[in-house]
Amino acid sequence: MRRSSLEIQFENLARLQGLTGFDIEYRFDPTRRWRFDFAWVRERVAVECDGAVYARGRHTRGSGFEGDCEKLNAATRQGWRVLRYTGGMLRRDPVGVVREIREVLRG
């Protein structure tokens, strides 16, 4: 599966900040093709990188938004904690993003 530039940016940031141990494009649901961009499987924590939020990208158009809701609701029912980040969030406060993920990973 082709990865977005935002996903690559997040991976580089995470590794630079010493945040490791994640799976990339982790398929969390056995019956659907849903994947998390990044997942810490043992802790059941996932990160989704949502791009093009101001350019009417997939995540902000009707069917894409509804699909995201369906996916995230299923993940919640399965015990996952999912954090979502946009490119703007990564640019404005990259250290804060990593700090937040670490807090969630610690439980």
N, C-alpha and C. Protein backbone atom coordinates (compact mmCIF):
# COMPACT_ATOMS: atom_id res chain seq x y z
N MET A 1 0.84 -1.18 0.00
CA MET A 1 0.00 0.00 0.00
C MET A 1 0.89 1.25 0.00
N ARG A 2 0.53 2.21 -0.81
CA ARG A 2 1.31 3.44 -0.92
C ARG A 2 1.07 4.33 0.30
N ARG A 3 2.13 4.81 0.89
CA ARG A 3 2.03 5.66 2.08
C ARG A 3 2.06 7.12 1.68
N SER A 4 1.32 7.94 2.43
CA SER A 4 1.27 9.37 2.15
C SER A 4 2.51 10.07 2.70
N SER A 5 2.73 11.28 2.20
CA SER A 5 3.85 12.06 2.72
C SER A 5 3.63 12.40 4.20
N LEU A 6 2.39 12.57 4.62
CA LEU A 6 2.08 12.84 6.02
C LEU A 6 2.44 11.64 6.90
N GLU A 7 2.15 10.44 6.43
CA GLU A 7 2.52 9.24 7.18
C GLU A 7 4.03 9.10 7.30
N ILE A 8 4.73 9.39 6.23
CA ILE A 8 6.20 9.33 6.27
C ILE A 8 6.74 10.41 7.21
N GLN A 9 6.14 11.60 7.17
CA GLN A 9 6.54 12.67 8.09
C GLN A 9 6.33 12.23 9.54
N PHE A 10 5.19 11.62 9.84
CA PHE A 10 4.93 11.16 11.20
C PHE A 10 5.93 10.09 11.62
N GLU A 11 6.19 9.14 10.75
CA GLU A 11 7.14 8.08 11.09
C GLU A 11 8.52 8.66 11.39
N ASN A 12 8.99 9.59 10.57
CA ASN A 12 10.29 10.21 10.80
C ASN A 12 10.31 10.96 12.13
N LEU A 13 9.25 11.70 12.41
CA LEU A 13 9.15 12.43 13.68
C LEU A 13 9.18 11.45 14.85
N ALA A 14 8.39 10.40 14.78
CA ALA A 14 8.33 9.43 15.88
C ALA A 14 9.71 8.83 16.13
N ARG A 15 10.36 8.40 15.08
CA ARG A 15 11.68 7.76 15.25
C ARG A 15 12.71 8.76 15.79
N LEU A 16 12.69 10.00 15.30
CA LEU A 16 13.61 11.02 15.80
C LEU A 16 13.40 11.29 17.28
N GLN A 17 12.16 11.18 17.74
CA GLN A 17 11.83 11.43 19.14
C GLN A 17 11.93 10.15 19.99
N GLY A 18 12.42 9.05 19.39
CA GLY A 18 12.60 7.80 20.12
C GLY A 18 11.32 7.03 20.38
N LEU A 19 10.28 7.34 19.63
CA LEU A 19 9.00 6.65 19.77
C LEU A 19 8.97 5.52 18.75
N THR A 20 9.15 4.31 19.22
CA THR A 20 9.27 3.15 18.33
C THR A 20 8.30 2.05 18.78
N GLY A 21 8.44 0.89 18.18
CA GLY A 21 7.64 -0.26 18.56
C GLY A 21 6.28 -0.32 17.90
N PHE A 22 6.07 0.46 16.85
CA PHE A 22 4.77 0.47 16.18
C PHE A 22 4.81 -0.37 14.91
N ASP A 23 3.64 -0.86 14.53
CA ASP A 23 3.45 -1.51 13.24
C ASP A 23 2.89 -0.46 12.29
N ILE A 24 3.23 -0.56 11.03
CA ILE A 24 2.75 0.35 10.00
C ILE A 24 1.69 -0.37 9.18
N GLU A 25 0.59 0.35 8.89
CA GLU A 25 -0.52 -0.20 8.11
C GLU A 25 -1.02 -1.51 8.73
N TYR A 26 -1.31 -1.45 10.01
CA TYR A 26 -1.75 -2.62 10.76
C TYR A 26 -3.23 -2.90 10.51
N ARG A 27 -3.54 -4.08 10.05
CA ARG A 27 -4.93 -4.48 9.80
C ARG A 27 -5.53 -4.98 11.11
N PHE A 28 -6.42 -4.19 11.69
CA PHE A 28 -6.91 -4.48 13.03
C PHE A 28 -8.22 -5.27 13.05
N ASP A 29 -8.91 -5.34 11.94
CA ASP A 29 -10.21 -6.01 11.91
C ASP A 29 -10.12 -7.23 11.00
N PRO A 30 -10.50 -8.40 11.51
CA PRO A 30 -10.35 -9.62 10.71
C PRO A 30 -11.33 -9.72 9.54
N THR A 31 -12.43 -8.99 9.58
CA THR A 31 -13.44 -9.13 8.52
C THR A 31 -13.44 -7.97 7.53
N ARG A 32 -12.90 -6.83 7.92
CA ARG A 32 -12.84 -5.66 7.03
C ARG A 32 -11.39 -5.40 6.63
N ARG A 33 -11.20 -4.59 5.65
CA ARG A 33 -9.84 -4.28 5.19
C ARG A 33 -9.27 -3.06 5.89
N TRP A 34 -9.87 -2.67 6.98
CA TRP A 34 -9.44 -1.48 7.70
C TRP A 34 -8.03 -1.65 8.24
N ARG A 35 -7.27 -0.58 8.15
CA ARG A 35 -5.90 -0.56 8.67
C ARG A 35 -5.70 0.74 9.45
N PHE A 36 -4.83 0.66 10.44
CA PHE A 36 -4.36 1.86 11.12
C PHE A 36 -3.07 2.28 10.47
N ASP A 37 -2.82 3.58 10.37
CA ASP A 37 -1.55 4.05 9.83
C ASP A 37 -0.40 3.55 10.70
N PHE A 38 -0.56 3.65 12.02
CA PHE A 38 0.45 3.19 12.98
C PHE A 38 -0.26 2.56 14.16
N ALA A 39 0.27 1.45 14.65
CA ALA A 39 -0.38 0.77 15.78
C ALA A 39 0.65 0.17 16.72
N TRP A 40 0.41 0.39 17.99
CA TRP A 40 1.13 -0.29 19.06
C TRP A 40 0.16 -1.38 19.51
N VAL A 41 0.37 -2.57 18.96
CA VAL A 41 -0.63 -3.64 19.06
C VAL A 41 -0.85 -4.08 20.50
N ARG A 42 0.21 -4.33 21.23
CA ARG A 42 0.08 -4.82 22.61
C ARG A 42 -0.72 -3.83 23.47
N GLU A 43 -0.48 -2.55 23.27
CA GLU A 43 -1.16 -1.52 24.06
C GLU A 43 -2.52 -1.14 23.47
N ARG A 44 -2.81 -1.63 22.26
CA ARG A 44 -4.04 -1.31 21.54
C ARG A 44 -4.23 0.21 21.39
N VAL A 45 -3.14 0.85 20.95
CA VAL A 45 -3.13 2.28 20.67
C VAL A 45 -2.79 2.45 19.19
N ALA A 46 -3.52 3.32 18.52
CA ALA A 46 -3.28 3.56 17.10
C ALA A 46 -3.22 5.04 16.80
N VAL A 47 -2.53 5.37 15.72
CA VAL A 47 -2.46 6.74 15.22
C VAL A 47 -2.93 6.74 13.77
N GLU A 48 -3.81 7.68 13.48
CA GLU A 48 -4.26 7.92 12.12
C GLU A 48 -3.80 9.31 11.69
N CYS A 49 -3.19 9.40 10.52
CA CYS A 49 -2.73 10.67 9.97
C CYS A 49 -3.72 11.11 8.90
N ASP A 50 -4.40 12.20 9.16
CA ASP A 50 -5.45 12.68 8.25
C ASP A 50 -4.95 13.89 7.47
N GLY A 51 -4.74 13.70 6.19
CA GLY A 51 -4.25 14.77 5.34
C GLY A 51 -5.36 15.47 4.59
N ALA A 52 -5.03 16.57 3.97
CA ALA A 52 -5.90 17.35 3.09
C ALA A 52 -7.21 17.77 3.77
N VAL A 53 -7.12 18.11 5.04
CA VAL A 53 -8.35 18.46 5.76
C VAL A 53 -8.93 19.81 5.30
N TYR A 54 -8.11 20.69 4.74
CA TYR A 54 -8.61 21.97 4.24
C TYR A 54 -8.79 21.96 2.73
N ALA A 55 -8.47 20.87 2.11
CA ALA A 55 -8.55 20.78 0.65
C ALA A 55 -9.63 19.78 0.23
N ARG A 56 -10.62 19.60 1.10
CA ARG A 56 -11.70 18.65 0.84
C ARG A 56 -11.16 17.27 0.49
N GLY A 57 -10.21 16.81 1.28
CA GLY A 57 -9.66 15.48 1.11
C GLY A 57 -10.66 14.41 1.55
N ARG A 58 -10.29 13.17 1.42
CA ARG A 58 -11.17 12.04 1.70
C ARG A 58 -11.76 12.09 3.11
N HIS A 59 -10.97 12.53 4.07
CA HIS A 59 -11.42 12.51 5.46
C HIS A 59 -12.47 13.57 5.77
N THR A 60 -12.62 14.58 4.90
CA THR A 60 -13.56 15.66 5.20
C THR A 60 -14.78 15.67 4.27
N ARG A 61 -14.80 14.80 3.28
CA ARG A 61 -15.98 14.70 2.42
C ARG A 61 -16.95 13.69 3.03
N GLY A 62 -18.21 13.81 2.70
CA GLY A 62 -19.28 13.02 3.31
C GLY A 62 -19.01 11.53 3.44
N SER A 63 -18.82 10.83 2.35
CA SER A 63 -18.66 9.38 2.42
C SER A 63 -17.36 8.98 3.12
N GLY A 64 -16.30 9.75 2.91
CA GLY A 64 -15.03 9.46 3.59
C GLY A 64 -15.14 9.66 5.08
N PHE A 65 -15.81 10.73 5.48
CA PHE A 65 -16.00 11.01 6.90
C PHE A 65 -16.84 9.91 7.55
N GLU A 66 -17.92 9.51 6.88
CA GLU A 66 -18.75 8.43 7.42
C GLU A 66 -17.98 7.12 7.52
N GLY A 67 -17.16 6.84 6.52
CA GLY A 67 -16.34 5.64 6.56
C GLY A 67 -15.36 5.66 7.73
N ASP A 68 -14.77 6.84 7.98
CA ASP A 68 -13.87 6.98 9.12
C ASP A 68 -14.62 6.75 10.44
N CYS A 69 -15.84 7.28 10.53
CA CYS A 69 -16.64 7.07 11.74
C CYS A 69 -16.91 5.59 11.96
N GLU A 70 -17.29 4.89 10.91
CA GLU A 70 -17.56 3.46 11.01
C GLU A 70 -16.31 2.70 11.48
N LYS A 71 -15.18 3.01 10.87
CA LYS A 71 -13.92 2.36 11.23
C LYS A 71 -13.53 2.64 12.68
N LEU A 72 -13.59 3.91 13.09
CA LEU A 72 -13.17 4.26 14.45
C LEU A 72 -14.15 3.73 15.49
N ASN A 73 -15.43 3.67 15.18
CA ASN A 73 -16.39 3.06 16.10
C ASN A 73 -16.11 1.57 16.28
N ALA A 74 -15.81 0.88 15.19
CA ALA A 74 -15.46 -0.54 15.28
C ALA A 74 -14.20 -0.73 16.11
N ALA A 75 -13.21 0.14 15.89
CA ALA A 75 -11.96 0.05 16.66
C ALA A 75 -12.23 0.24 18.15
N THR A 76 -13.07 1.20 18.49
CA THR A 76 -13.41 1.45 19.89
C THR A 76 -14.10 0.24 20.49
N ARG A 77 -15.02 -0.37 19.75
CA ARG A 77 -15.70 -1.58 20.26
C ARG A 77 -14.71 -2.71 20.51
N GLN A 78 -13.60 -2.71 19.77
CA GLN A 78 -12.58 -3.75 19.93
C GLN A 78 -11.52 -3.37 20.97
N GLY A 79 -11.70 -2.25 21.64
CA GLY A 79 -10.79 -1.87 22.71
C GLY A 79 -9.61 -1.03 22.30
N TRP A 80 -9.62 -0.47 21.10
CA TRP A 80 -8.52 0.37 20.63
C TRP A 80 -8.74 1.81 21.07
N ARG A 81 -7.62 2.50 21.34
CA ARG A 81 -7.62 3.94 21.55
C ARG A 81 -6.92 4.54 20.33
N VAL A 82 -7.63 5.39 19.61
CA VAL A 82 -7.12 5.93 18.35
C VAL A 82 -6.93 7.43 18.46
N LEU A 83 -5.72 7.87 18.15
CA LEU A 83 -5.38 9.29 18.11
C LEU A 83 -5.29 9.71 16.65
N ARG A 84 -5.85 10.87 16.33
CA ARG A 84 -5.84 11.37 14.95
C ARG A 84 -5.07 12.68 14.89
N TYR A 85 -4.21 12.80 13.87
CA TYR A 85 -3.41 14.01 13.70
C TYR A 85 -3.46 14.47 12.25
N THR A 86 -3.49 15.78 12.08
CA THR A 86 -3.42 16.38 10.75
C THR A 86 -2.00 16.88 10.52
N GLY A 87 -1.72 17.24 9.29
CA GLY A 87 -0.41 17.81 8.98
C GLY A 87 -0.15 19.08 9.76
N GLY A 88 -1.18 19.91 9.92
CA GLY A 88 -1.03 21.15 10.69
C GLY A 88 -0.66 20.87 12.13
N MET A 89 -1.26 19.88 12.71
CA MET A 89 -0.95 19.52 14.10
C MET A 89 0.50 19.07 14.22
N LEU A 90 0.97 18.30 13.25
CA LEU A 90 2.37 17.84 13.29
C LEU A 90 3.34 19.00 13.10
N ARG A 91 3.00 19.96 12.25
CA ARG A 91 3.88 21.12 12.03
C ARG A 91 3.90 22.06 13.24
N ARG A 92 2.73 22.31 13.81
CA ARG A 92 2.64 23.27 14.91
C ARG A 92 3.29 22.77 16.20
N ASP A 93 3.12 21.49 16.51
CA ASP A 93 3.60 21.00 17.81
C ASP A 93 4.04 19.55 17.73
N PRO A 94 5.10 19.27 16.98
CA PRO A 94 5.53 17.87 16.83
C PRO A 94 5.91 17.21 18.15
N VAL A 95 6.56 17.96 19.03
CA VAL A 95 6.95 17.39 20.32
C VAL A 95 5.71 17.09 21.17
N GLY A 96 4.72 17.98 21.10
CA GLY A 96 3.48 17.75 21.84
C GLY A 96 2.73 16.53 21.34
N VAL A 97 2.75 16.30 20.03
CA VAL A 97 2.11 15.10 19.47
C VAL A 97 2.76 13.85 20.06
N VAL A 98 4.08 13.79 20.03
CA VAL A 98 4.78 12.62 20.56
C VAL A 98 4.52 12.47 22.06
N ARG A 99 4.52 13.57 22.78
CA ARG A 99 4.25 13.53 24.23
C ARG A 99 2.86 12.94 24.49
N GLU A 100 1.89 13.38 23.71
CA GLU A 100 0.52 12.88 23.88
C GLU A 100 0.44 11.38 23.62
N ILE A 101 1.10 10.91 22.59
CA ILE A 101 1.09 9.48 22.28
C ILE A 101 1.74 8.70 23.41
N ARG A 102 2.86 9.20 23.91
CA ARG A 102 3.52 8.52 25.05
C ARG A 102 2.60 8.43 26.26
N GLU A 103 1.86 9.48 26.55
CA GLU A 103 0.93 9.47 27.68
C GLU A 103 -0.11 8.37 27.50
N VAL A 104 -0.65 8.27 26.31
CA VAL A 104 -1.68 7.25 26.04
C VAL A 104 -1.06 5.85 26.11
N LEU A 105 0.14 5.69 25.60
CA LEU A 105 0.79 4.38 25.65
C LEU A 105 1.04 3.93 27.10
N ARG A 106 1.32 4.88 27.98
CA ARG A 106 1.57 4.53 29.38
C ARG A 106 0.27 4.14 30.09
N GLY A 107 -0.85 4.52 29.50
CA GLY A 107 -2.15 4.14 30.06
C GLY A 107 -2.67 5.14 30.98
